[in-house]
């Protein structure tokens, strides 16, 4: 078993916790530095109610809003969340 396979398998142990990453805004990107975007992956073993609960908590406590949701073959769901970047001057 390759080391990468072991990391992927250990990351998928708990189906309730999503795998996610934050995309930092670029100077010429789509959102032009106004929004921070977070990509959240849910495996097929995560129920819709668990996914909805996780996204609701992110929206309530982290001020994230739903940008896009995509369902792939095999049942994997990828969700993009965004929140406004507030800069202090």
PDB file of N, CA and C in Angstrom:
ATOM      1  N   UNK A   1       0.839  -1.172   0.000  1.00  0.00           N
ATOM      2  CA  UNK A   1       0.000   0.000   0.000  1.00  0.00           C
ATOM      3  C   UNK A   1       0.889   1.242   0.000  1.00  0.00           C
ATOM      4  N   UNK A   2       0.622   2.137  -0.929  1.00  0.00           N
ATOM      5  CA  UNK A   2       1.392   3.375  -1.040  1.00  0.00           C
ATOM      6  C   UNK A   2       1.022   4.325   0.099  1.00  0.00           C
ATOM      7  N   UNK A   3       1.938   5.215   0.485  1.00  0.00           N
ATOM      8  CA  UNK A   3       1.640   6.153   1.571  1.00  0.00           C
ATOM      9  C   UNK A   3       0.414   7.032   1.287  1.00  0.00           C
ATOM     10  N   UNK A   4       0.214   7.410   0.045  1.00  0.00           N
ATOM     11  CA  UNK A   4      -0.915   8.267  -0.300  1.00  0.00           C
ATOM     12  C   UNK A   4      -2.237   7.529  -0.092  1.00  0.00           C
ATOM     13  N   UNK A   5      -2.265   6.219  -0.431  1.00  0.00           N
ATOM     14  CA  UNK A   5      -3.470   5.424  -0.225  1.00  0.00           C
ATOM     15  C   UNK A   5      -3.827   5.377   1.253  1.00  0.00           C
ATOM     16  N   UNK A   6      -2.815   5.246   2.093  1.00  0.00           N
ATOM     17  CA  UNK A   6      -3.054   5.188   3.529  1.00  0.00           C
ATOM     18  C   UNK A   6      -3.632   6.513   4.035  1.00  0.00           C
ATOM     19  N   UNK A   7      -3.131   7.649   3.535  1.00  0.00           N
ATOM     20  CA  UNK A   7      -3.635   8.952   3.955  1.00  0.00           C
ATOM     21  C   UNK A   7      -5.074   9.159   3.508  1.00  0.00           C
ATOM     22  N   UNK A   8      -5.379   8.759   2.276  1.00  0.00           N
ATOM     23  CA  UNK A   8      -6.740   8.907   1.787  1.00  0.00           C
ATOM     24  C   UNK A   8      -7.698   8.034   2.578  1.00  0.00           C
ATOM     25  N   UNK A   9      -7.283   6.833   2.888  1.00  0.00           N
ATOM     26  CA  UNK A   9      -8.141   5.921   3.621  1.00  0.00           C
ATOM     27  C   UNK A   9      -8.368   6.413   5.046  1.00  0.00           C
ATOM     28  N   UNK A  10      -7.333   6.946   5.700  1.00  0.00           N
ATOM     29  CA  UNK A  10      -7.499   7.437   7.069  1.00  0.00           C
ATOM     30  C   UNK A  10      -8.331   8.716   7.083  1.00  0.00           C
ATOM     31  N   UNK A  11      -8.295   9.502   6.023  1.00  0.00           N
ATOM     32  CA  UNK A  11      -9.083  10.724   5.970  1.00  0.00           C
ATOM     33  C   UNK A  11     -10.569  10.424   5.801  1.00  0.00           C
ATOM     34  N   UNK A  12     -10.906   9.274   5.261  1.00  0.00           N
ATOM     35  CA  UNK A  12     -12.298   8.923   5.015  1.00  0.00           C
ATOM     36  C   UNK A  12     -12.926   8.110   6.131  1.00  0.00           C
ATOM     37  N   UNK A  13     -12.228   7.926   7.241  1.00  0.00           N
ATOM     38  CA  UNK A  13     -12.761   7.109   8.327  1.00  0.00           C
ATOM     39  C   UNK A  13     -14.080   7.640   8.859  1.00  0.00           C
ATOM     40  N   UNK A  14     -14.132   8.910   9.184  1.00  0.00           N
ATOM     41  CA  UNK A  14     -15.328   9.501   9.758  1.00  0.00           C
ATOM     42  C   UNK A  14     -16.132  10.167   8.648  1.00  0.00           C
ATOM     43  N   UNK A  15     -17.259   9.597   8.252  1.00  0.00           N
ATOM     44  CA  UNK A  15     -17.999  10.148   7.118  1.00  0.00           C
ATOM     45  C   UNK A  15     -18.674  11.478   7.410  1.00  0.00           C
ATOM     46  N   UNK A  16     -18.849  11.838   8.676  1.00  0.00           N
ATOM     47  CA  UNK A  16     -19.528  13.081   9.011  1.00  0.00           C
ATOM     48  C   UNK A  16     -18.613  14.270   8.790  1.00  0.00           C
ATOM     49  N   UNK A  17     -17.326  14.121   9.074  1.00  0.00           N
ATOM     50  CA  UNK A  17     -16.394  15.223   8.884  1.00  0.00           C
ATOM     51  C   UNK A  17     -15.977  15.293   7.419  1.00  0.00           C
ATOM     52  N   UNK A  18     -16.252  16.388   6.734  1.00  0.00           N
ATOM     53  CA  UNK A  18     -15.907  16.495   5.323  1.00  0.00           C
ATOM     54  C   UNK A  18     -14.433  16.801   5.125  1.00  0.00           C
ATOM     55  N   UNK A  19     -13.943  16.461   3.952  1.00  0.00           N
ATOM     56  CA  UNK A  19     -12.599  16.876   3.548  1.00  0.00           C
ATOM     57  C   UNK A  19     -12.764  18.241   2.890  1.00  0.00           C
ATOM     58  N   UNK A  20     -12.013  19.227   3.335  1.00  0.00           N
ATOM     59  CA  UNK A  20     -12.212  20.547   2.774  1.00  0.00           C
ATOM     60  C   UNK A  20     -10.891  21.277   2.593  1.00  0.00           C
ATOM     61  N   UNK A  21     -10.955  22.349   1.840  1.00  0.00           N
ATOM     62  CA  UNK A  21      -9.795  23.200   1.626  1.00  0.00           C
ATOM     63  C   UNK A  21     -10.289  24.606   1.346  1.00  0.00           C
ATOM     64  N   UNK A  22      -9.463  25.568   1.685  1.00  0.00           N
ATOM     65  CA  UNK A  22      -9.812  26.972   1.471  1.00  0.00           C
ATOM     66  C   UNK A  22      -8.984  27.487   0.312  1.00  0.00           C
ATOM     67  N   UNK A  23      -9.634  28.144  -0.609  1.00  0.00           N
ATOM     68  CA  UNK A  23      -8.953  28.722  -1.758  1.00  0.00           C
ATOM     69  C   UNK A  23      -8.754  30.203  -1.479  1.00  0.00           C
ATOM     70  N   UNK A  24      -7.506  30.614  -1.404  1.00  0.00           N
ATOM     71  CA  UNK A  24      -7.213  32.026  -1.157  1.00  0.00           C
ATOM     72  C   UNK A  24      -7.525  32.830  -2.412  1.00  0.00           C
ATOM     73  N   UNK A  25      -8.081  34.001  -2.250  1.00  0.00           N
ATOM     74  CA  UNK A  25      -8.428  34.811  -3.414  1.00  0.00           C
ATOM     75  C   UNK A  25      -7.190  35.332  -4.122  1.00  0.00           C
ATOM     76  N   UNK A  26      -7.207  35.296  -5.416  1.00  0.00           N
ATOM     77  CA  UNK A  26      -6.098  35.799  -6.210  1.00  0.00           C
ATOM     78  C   UNK A  26      -6.370  37.213  -6.690  1.00  0.00           C
ATOM     79  N   UNK A  27      -5.351  37.889  -7.179  1.00  0.00           N
ATOM     80  CA  UNK A  27      -5.539  39.276  -7.607  1.00  0.00           C
ATOM     81  C   UNK A  27      -6.434  39.411  -8.830  1.00  0.00           C
ATOM     82  N   UNK A  28      -6.415  38.440  -9.731  1.00  0.00           N
ATOM     83  CA  UNK A  28      -7.233  38.544 -10.932  1.00  0.00           C
ATOM     84  C   UNK A  28      -8.244  37.441 -11.037  1.00  0.00           C
ATOM     85  N   UNK A  29      -8.560  36.809  -9.928  1.00  0.00           N
ATOM     86  CA  UNK A  29      -9.471  35.678  -9.940  1.00  0.00           C
ATOM     87  C   UNK A  29     -10.917  36.087 -10.159  1.00  0.00           C
ATOM     88  N   UNK A  30     -11.770  35.098 -10.099  1.00  0.00           N
ATOM     89  CA  UNK A  30     -13.183  35.319 -10.367  1.00  0.00           C
ATOM     90  C   UNK A  30     -13.816  36.273  -9.352  1.00  0.00           C
ATOM     91  N   UNK A  31     -13.388  36.169  -8.108  1.00  0.00           N
ATOM     92  CA  UNK A  31     -13.995  36.992  -7.065  1.00  0.00           C
ATOM     93  C   UNK A  31     -13.173  38.224  -6.740  1.00  0.00           C
ATOM     94  N   UNK A  32     -12.052  38.395  -7.373  1.00  0.00           N
ATOM     95  CA  UNK A  32     -11.196  39.577  -7.287  1.00  0.00           C
ATOM     96  C   UNK A  32     -10.881  39.996  -5.854  1.00  0.00           C
ATOM     97  N   UNK A  33     -10.646  39.024  -5.002  1.00  0.00           N
ATOM     98  CA  UNK A  33     -10.230  39.333  -3.651  1.00  0.00           C
ATOM     99  C   UNK A  33     -11.355  39.743  -2.720  1.00  0.00           C
ATOM    100  N   UNK A  34     -12.613  39.630  -3.142  1.00  0.00           N
ATOM    101  CA  UNK A  34     -13.728  40.035  -2.296  1.00  0.00           C
ATOM    102  C   UNK A  34     -14.229  38.899  -1.414  1.00  0.00           C
ATOM    103  N   UNK A  35     -14.066  37.664  -1.880  1.00  0.00           N
ATOM    104  CA  UNK A  35     -14.591  36.506  -1.164  1.00  0.00           C
ATOM    105  C   UNK A  35     -13.509  35.471  -0.915  1.00  0.00           C
ATOM    106  N   UNK A  36     -13.647  34.770   0.184  1.00  0.00           N
ATOM    107  CA  UNK A  36     -12.832  33.597   0.487  1.00  0.00           C
ATOM    108  C   UNK A  36     -13.697  32.388   0.139  1.00  0.00           C
ATOM    109  N   UNK A  37     -13.140  31.436  -0.591  1.00  0.00           N
ATOM    110  CA  UNK A  37     -13.916  30.279  -1.056  1.00  0.00           C
ATOM    111  C   UNK A  37     -13.399  29.028  -0.370  1.00  0.00           C
ATOM    112  N   UNK A  38     -14.323  28.205   0.100  1.00  0.00           N
ATOM    113  CA  UNK A  38     -13.993  26.940   0.764  1.00  0.00           C
ATOM    114  C   UNK A  38     -14.662  25.812  -0.004  1.00  0.00           C
ATOM    115  N   UNK A  39     -13.901  24.794  -0.366  1.00  0.00           N
ATOM    116  CA  UNK A  39     -14.423  23.647  -1.092  1.00  0.00           C
ATOM    117  C   UNK A  39     -14.528  22.483  -0.116  1.00  0.00           C
ATOM    118  N   UNK A  40     -15.729  21.898  -0.014  1.00  0.00           N
ATOM    119  CA  UNK A  40     -15.980  20.809   0.919  1.00  0.00           C
ATOM    120  C   UNK A  40     -16.419  19.583   0.127  1.00  0.00           C
ATOM    121  N   UNK A  41     -15.728  18.455   0.345  1.00  0.00           N
ATOM    122  CA  UNK A  41     -16.082  17.194  -0.298  1.00  0.00           C
ATOM    123  C   UNK A  41     -16.781  16.284   0.702  1.00  0.00           C
ATOM    124  N   UNK A  42     -17.907  15.712   0.291  1.00  0.00           N
ATOM    125  CA  UNK A  42     -18.621  14.735   1.096  1.00  0.00           C
ATOM    126  C   UNK A  42     -18.626  13.414   0.337  1.00  0.00           C
ATOM    127  N   UNK A  43     -18.293  12.334   1.029  1.00  0.00           N
ATOM    128  CA  UNK A  43     -18.318  11.014   0.414  1.00  0.00           C
ATOM    129  C   UNK A  43     -19.731  10.506   0.248  1.00  0.00           C
ATOM    130  N   UNK A  44     -19.883   9.436  -0.487  1.00  0.00           N
ATOM    131  CA  UNK A  44     -21.218   8.898  -0.734  1.00  0.00           C
ATOM    132  C   UNK A  44     -21.851   8.305   0.509  1.00  0.00           C
ATOM    133  N   UNK A  45     -21.046   7.994   1.527  1.00  0.00           N
ATOM    134  CA  UNK A  45     -21.584   7.404   2.748  1.00  0.00           C
ATOM    135  C   UNK A  45     -22.203   8.447   3.675  1.00  0.00           C
ATOM    136  N   UNK A  46     -22.038   9.728   3.378  1.00  0.00           N
ATOM    137  CA  UNK A  46     -22.617  10.802   4.189  1.00  0.00           C
ATOM    138  C   UNK A  46     -24.060  11.029   3.733  1.00  0.00           C
ATOM    139  N   UNK A  47     -24.987  10.977   4.686  1.00  0.00           N
ATOM    140  CA  UNK A  47     -26.388  11.181   4.333  1.00  0.00           C
ATOM    141  C   UNK A  47     -26.662  12.661   4.071  1.00  0.00           C
ATOM    142  N   UNK A  48     -27.789  12.919   3.424  1.00  0.00           N
ATOM    143  CA  UNK A  48     -28.155  14.298   3.117  1.00  0.00           C
ATOM    144  C   UNK A  48     -28.396  15.106   4.388  1.00  0.00           C
ATOM    145  N   UNK A  49     -28.963  14.459   5.398  1.00  0.00           N
ATOM    146  CA  UNK A  49     -29.217  15.180   6.646  1.00  0.00           C
ATOM    147  C   UNK A  49     -27.916  15.539   7.361  1.00  0.00           C
ATOM    148  N   UNK A  50     -26.915  14.644   7.323  1.00  0.00           N
ATOM    149  CA  UNK A  50     -25.615  14.954   7.915  1.00  0.00           C
ATOM    150  C   UNK A  50     -24.932  16.078   7.150  1.00  0.00           C
ATOM    151  N   UNK A  51     -25.032  16.042   5.823  1.00  0.00           N
ATOM    152  CA  UNK A  51     -24.435  17.087   5.003  1.00  0.00           C
ATOM    153  C   UNK A  51     -25.121  18.429   5.275  1.00  0.00           C
ATOM    154  N   UNK A  52     -26.435  18.422   5.336  1.00  0.00           N
ATOM    155  CA  UNK A  52     -27.189  19.645   5.607  1.00  0.00           C
ATOM    156  C   UNK A  52     -26.838  20.210   6.982  1.00  0.00           C
ATOM    157  N   UNK A  53     -26.691  19.334   7.979  1.00  0.00           N
ATOM    158  CA  UNK A  53     -26.336  19.776   9.324  1.00  0.00           C
ATOM    159  C   UNK A  53     -24.957  20.435   9.337  1.00  0.00           C
ATOM    160  N   UNK A  54     -23.984  19.826   8.653  1.00  0.00           N
ATOM    161  CA  UNK A  54     -22.633  20.386   8.590  1.00  0.00           C
ATOM    162  C   UNK A  54     -22.623  21.746   7.903  1.00  0.00           C
ATOM    163  N   UNK A  55     -23.352  21.857   6.784  1.00  0.00           N
ATOM    164  CA  UNK A  55     -23.389  23.123   6.051  1.00  0.00           C
ATOM    165  C   UNK A  55     -24.129  24.203   6.838  1.00  0.00           C
ATOM    166  N   UNK A  56     -25.157  23.800   7.589  1.00  0.00           N
ATOM    167  CA  UNK A  56     -25.878  24.755   8.428  1.00  0.00           C
ATOM    168  C   UNK A  56     -24.984  25.301   9.532  1.00  0.00           C
ATOM    169  N   UNK A  57     -24.194  24.433  10.147  1.00  0.00           N
ATOM    170  CA  UNK A  57     -23.263  24.879  11.191  1.00  0.00           C
ATOM    171  C   UNK A  57     -22.206  25.821  10.617  1.00  0.00           C
ATOM    172  N   UNK A  58     -21.695  25.495   9.428  1.00  0.00           N
ATOM    173  CA  UNK A  58     -20.714  26.371   8.786  1.00  0.00           C
ATOM    174  C   UNK A  58     -21.314  27.742   8.492  1.00  0.00           C
ATOM    175  N   UNK A  59     -22.565  27.754   8.039  1.00  0.00           N
ATOM    176  CA  UNK A  59     -23.214  29.029   7.722  1.00  0.00           C
ATOM    177  C   UNK A  59     -23.489  29.836   8.982  1.00  0.00           C
ATOM    178  N   UNK A  60     -23.913  29.159  10.036  1.00  0.00           N
ATOM    179  CA  UNK A  60     -24.285  29.872  11.251  1.00  0.00           C
ATOM    180  C   UNK A  60     -23.083  30.389  12.025  1.00  0.00           C
ATOM    181  N   UNK A  61     -22.072  29.553  12.201  1.00  0.00           N
ATOM    182  CA  UNK A  61     -20.935  29.917  13.043  1.00  0.00           C
ATOM    183  C   UNK A  61     -19.750  30.479  12.268  1.00  0.00           C
ATOM    184  N   UNK A  62     -19.595  30.098  11.019  1.00  0.00           N
ATOM    185  CA  UNK A  62     -18.448  30.557  10.247  1.00  0.00           C
ATOM    186  C   UNK A  62     -18.776  31.624   9.228  1.00  0.00           C
ATOM    187  N   UNK A  63     -20.058  32.014   9.147  1.00  0.00           N
ATOM    188  CA  UNK A  63     -20.505  33.043   8.199  1.00  0.00           C
ATOM    189  C   UNK A  63     -20.275  32.646   6.745  1.00  0.00           C
ATOM    190  N   UNK A  64     -20.324  31.352   6.437  1.00  0.00           N
ATOM    191  CA  UNK A  64     -20.182  30.873   5.070  1.00  0.00           C
ATOM    192  C   UNK A  64     -21.550  30.860   4.403  1.00  0.00           C
ATOM    193  N   UNK A  65     -21.587  31.106   3.106  1.00  0.00           N
ATOM    194  CA  UNK A  65     -22.825  30.977   2.341  1.00  0.00           C
ATOM    195  C   UNK A  65     -22.591  30.008   1.190  1.00  0.00           C
ATOM    196  N   UNK A  66     -23.645  29.307   0.808  1.00  0.00           N
ATOM    197  CA  UNK A  66     -23.555  28.288  -0.229  1.00  0.00           C
ATOM    198  C   UNK A  66     -23.386  28.947  -1.585  1.00  0.00           C
ATOM    199  N   UNK A  67     -22.360  28.538  -2.313  1.00  0.00           N
ATOM    200  CA  UNK A  67     -22.106  29.084  -3.641  1.00  0.00           C
ATOM    201  C   UNK A  67     -22.531  28.095  -4.719  1.00  0.00           C
ATOM    202  N   UNK A  68     -22.138  26.823  -4.555  1.00  0.00           N
ATOM    203  CA  UNK A  68     -22.418  25.816  -5.589  1.00  0.00           C
ATOM    204  C   UNK A  68     -22.325  24.426  -4.978  1.00  0.00           C
ATOM    205  N   UNK A  69     -23.136  23.516  -5.485  1.00  0.00           N
ATOM    206  CA  UNK A  69     -23.058  22.108  -5.087  1.00  0.00           C
ATOM    207  C   UNK A  69     -23.042  21.266  -6.346  1.00  0.00           C
ATOM    208  N   UNK A  70     -22.198  20.263  -6.355  1.00  0.00           N
ATOM    209  CA  UNK A  70     -22.066  19.391  -7.518  1.00  0.00           C
ATOM    210  C   UNK A  70     -22.106  17.944  -7.054  1.00  0.00           C
ATOM    211  N   UNK A  71     -22.879  17.102  -7.718  1.00  0.00           N
ATOM    212  CA  UNK A  71     -22.951  15.676  -7.397  1.00  0.00           C
ATOM    213  C   UNK A  71     -22.283  14.924  -8.540  1.00  0.00           C
ATOM    214  N   UNK A  72     -21.310  14.090  -8.199  1.00  0.00           N
ATOM    215  CA  UNK A  72     -20.539  13.347  -9.191  1.00  0.00           C
ATOM    216  C   UNK A  72     -21.021  11.903  -9.278  1.00  0.00           C
ATOM    217  N   UNK A  73     -20.611  11.229 -10.322  1.00  0.00           N
ATOM    218  CA  UNK A  73     -20.905   9.804 -10.454  1.00  0.00           C
ATOM    219  C   UNK A  73     -20.321   9.061  -9.261  1.00  0.00           C
ATOM    220  N   UNK A  74     -21.052   8.133  -8.728  1.00  0.00           N
ATOM    221  CA  UNK A  74     -20.589   7.402  -7.566  1.00  0.00           C
ATOM    222  C   UNK A  74     -21.133   7.983  -6.271  1.00  0.00           C
ATOM    223  N   UNK A  75     -21.778   9.153  -6.327  1.00  0.00           N
ATOM    224  CA  UNK A  75     -22.411   9.718  -5.159  1.00  0.00           C
ATOM    225  C   UNK A  75     -21.608  10.739  -4.386  1.00  0.00           C
ATOM    226  N   UNK A  76     -20.376  11.023  -4.798  1.00  0.00           N
ATOM    227  CA  UNK A  76     -19.581  12.026  -4.090  1.00  0.00           C
ATOM    228  C   UNK A  76     -20.147  13.416  -4.366  1.00  0.00           C
ATOM    229  N   UNK A  77     -20.218  14.246  -3.327  1.00  0.00           N
ATOM    230  CA  UNK A  77     -20.742  15.606  -3.468  1.00  0.00           C
ATOM    231  C   UNK A  77     -19.661  16.608  -3.106  1.00  0.00           C
ATOM    232  N   UNK A  78     -19.532  17.615  -3.928  1.00  0.00           N
ATOM    233  CA  UNK A  78     -18.570  18.693  -3.685  1.00  0.00           C
ATOM    234  C   UNK A  78     -19.365  19.993  -3.576  1.00  0.00           C
ATOM    235  N   UNK A  79     -19.082  20.738  -2.524  1.00  0.00           N
ATOM    236  CA  UNK A  79     -19.813  21.972  -2.249  1.00  0.00           C
ATOM    237  C   UNK A  79     -18.829  23.117  -2.115  1.00  0.00           C
ATOM    238  N   UNK A  80     -19.142  24.224  -2.753  1.00  0.00           N
ATOM    239  CA  UNK A  80     -18.339  25.437  -2.650  1.00  0.00           C
ATOM    240  C   UNK A  80     -19.079  26.414  -1.741  1.00  0.00           C
ATOM    241  N   UNK A  81     -18.372  26.914  -0.731  1.00  0.00           N
ATOM    242  CA  UNK A  81     -18.916  27.912   0.180  1.00  0.00           C
ATOM    243  C   UNK A  81     -18.085  29.176   0.027  1.00  0.00           C
ATOM    244  N   UNK A  82     -18.682  30.308   0.279  1.00  0.00           N
ATOM    245  CA  UNK A  82     -17.908  31.547   0.221  1.00  0.00           C
ATOM    246  C   UNK A  82     -18.322  32.451   1.368  1.00  0.00           C
ATOM    247  N   UNK A  83     -17.399  33.344   1.731  1.00  0.00           N
ATOM    248  CA  UNK A  83     -17.719  34.382   2.697  1.00  0.00           C
ATOM    249  C   UNK A  83     -16.937  35.643   2.341  1.00  0.00           C
ATOM    250  N   UNK A  84     -17.534  36.740   2.678  1.00  0.00           N
ATOM    251  CA  UNK A  84     -16.968  38.040   2.362  1.00  0.00           C
ATOM    252  C   UNK A  84     -15.716  38.281   3.197  1.00  0.00           C
ATOM    253  N   UNK A  85     -14.671  38.788   2.580  1.00  0.00           N
ATOM    254  CA  UNK A  85     -13.452  39.150   3.275  1.00  0.00           C
ATOM    255  C   UNK A  85     -13.604  40.587   3.756  1.00  0.00           C
ATOM    256  N   UNK A  86     -13.460  40.765   5.050  1.00  0.00           N
ATOM    257  CA  UNK A  86     -13.548  42.097   5.625  1.00  0.00           C
ATOM    258  C   UNK A  86     -12.132  42.563   5.951  1.00  0.00           C
ATOM    259  N   UNK A  87     -11.719  43.605   5.278  1.00  0.00           N
ATOM    260  CA  UNK A  87     -10.375  44.137   5.472  1.00  0.00           C
ATOM    261  C   UNK A  87     -10.413  45.341   6.398  1.00  0.00           C
ATOM    262  N   UNK A  88      -9.486  45.369   7.338  1.00  0.00           N
ATOM    263  CA  UNK A  88      -9.387  46.490   8.259  1.00  0.00           C
ATOM    264  C   UNK A  88      -8.403  47.499   7.697  1.00  0.00           C
ATOM    265  N   UNK A  89      -8.797  48.732   7.664  1.00  0.00           N
ATOM    266  CA  UNK A  89      -7.896  49.774   7.127  1.00  0.00           C
ATOM    267  C   UNK A  89      -7.258  50.545   8.227  1.00  0.00           C
TER     268      UNK A  89
END
